[in-house]
């Protein structure tokens, strides 16, 4: 398993992120925005389950928020992996 991490750390993508002035910052900003999508969606659904917005049907609220949370999770994992391999 260590060989995989060494290969990722020495890859061209990791090297480019280390050498780029704005590359690491852009990936970091993308990671933070993705976490915002993920946690924003989850918090909204949790608040509805706790009793806020009782006039809104849970299914109507969950229909757009669950895919948004899934996209946020996928982007956060991908960008987090990129941040991890640069170190």
Protein backbone atom coordinates (compact mmCIF):
# COMPACT_ATOMS: atom_id res chain seq x y z
CA UNK A 1 0.00 0.00 0.00
CA UNK A 2 2.89 2.30 0.69
CA UNK A 3 4.02 1.90 -2.92
CA UNK A 4 0.67 3.30 -4.08
CA UNK A 5 1.03 6.39 -1.89
CA UNK A 6 4.61 6.93 -3.05
CA UNK A 7 3.50 6.63 -6.67
CA UNK A 8 0.71 9.14 -6.09
CA UNK A 9 3.03 11.56 -4.29
CA UNK A 10 5.55 11.43 -7.13
CA UNK A 11 2.95 11.71 -9.88
CA UNK A 12 2.85 14.61 -12.30
CA UNK A 13 -0.39 15.92 -10.81
CA UNK A 14 1.08 16.08 -7.31
CA UNK A 15 4.24 17.72 -8.62
CA UNK A 16 2.24 20.26 -10.60
CA UNK A 17 0.18 21.15 -7.52
CA UNK A 18 3.34 21.54 -5.43
CA UNK A 19 4.99 23.81 -8.00
CA UNK A 20 1.94 25.82 -9.03
CA UNK A 21 1.39 29.12 -7.31
CA UNK A 22 -2.42 28.94 -7.46
CA UNK A 23 -3.08 25.24 -8.09
CA UNK A 24 -3.00 24.14 -4.46
CA UNK A 25 -5.09 27.14 -3.43
CA UNK A 26 -7.69 26.36 -6.10
CA UNK A 27 -7.95 22.72 -5.01
CA UNK A 28 -8.19 23.82 -1.38
CA UNK A 29 -10.98 26.29 -2.21
CA UNK A 30 -12.78 23.57 -4.17
CA UNK A 31 -12.50 21.25 -1.18
CA UNK A 32 -13.98 23.85 1.17
CA UNK A 33 -16.83 24.63 -1.24
CA UNK A 34 -17.61 20.91 -1.60
CA UNK A 35 -17.72 20.53 2.19
CA UNK A 36 -20.11 23.47 2.26
CA UNK A 37 -22.38 21.72 -0.24
CA UNK A 38 -22.29 18.51 1.73
CA UNK A 39 -22.85 19.94 5.20
CA UNK A 40 -25.28 22.61 4.02
CA UNK A 41 -27.53 19.98 2.51
CA UNK A 42 -27.31 17.69 5.53
CA UNK A 43 -27.98 20.50 8.01
CA UNK A 44 -31.00 21.66 6.01
CA UNK A 45 -32.47 18.16 6.02
CA UNK A 46 -31.70 17.69 9.71
CA UNK A 47 -33.40 20.96 10.62
CA UNK A 48 -36.48 19.87 8.68
CA UNK A 49 -36.47 16.55 10.57
CA UNK A 50 -36.21 18.47 13.85
CA UNK A 51 -39.38 20.38 13.04
CA UNK A 52 -38.43 23.51 11.12
CA UNK A 53 -40.33 24.27 7.91
CA UNK A 54 -43.23 21.97 8.78
CA UNK A 55 -45.16 23.33 5.82
CA UNK A 56 -42.57 21.81 3.46
CA UNK A 57 -42.96 18.13 2.67
CA UNK A 58 -39.76 16.23 3.53
CA UNK A 59 -39.73 14.41 0.18
CA UNK A 60 -39.93 17.72 -1.70
CA UNK A 61 -36.96 19.03 0.26
CA UNK A 62 -34.91 15.83 0.05
CA UNK A 63 -35.35 15.39 -3.70
CA UNK A 64 -32.88 18.17 -4.65
CA UNK A 65 -30.74 18.11 -1.50
CA UNK A 66 -29.68 14.46 -1.52
CA UNK A 67 -28.03 14.67 -4.98
CA UNK A 68 -26.38 17.96 -3.97
CA UNK A 69 -24.96 16.29 -0.86
CA UNK A 70 -23.73 13.35 -2.95
CA UNK A 71 -21.97 15.65 -5.41
CA UNK A 72 -20.43 17.56 -2.51
CA UNK A 73 -19.16 14.30 -1.01
CA UNK A 74 -17.63 13.12 -4.31
CA UNK A 75 -15.90 16.45 -4.94
CA UNK A 76 -14.69 16.67 -1.33
CA UNK A 77 -13.18 13.18 -1.47
CA UNK A 78 -11.49 13.83 -4.82
CA UNK A 79 -10.09 17.21 -3.83
CA UNK A 80 -9.08 15.90 -0.41
CA UNK A 81 -7.13 13.12 -2.07
CA UNK A 82 -5.37 15.70 -4.25
CA UNK A 83 -4.52 17.76 -1.17
CA UNK A 84 -3.27 14.67 0.61
CA UNK A 85 -0.92 13.48 -2.15
CA UNK A 86 0.81 16.84 -2.42
CA UNK A 87 2.15 16.45 1.12
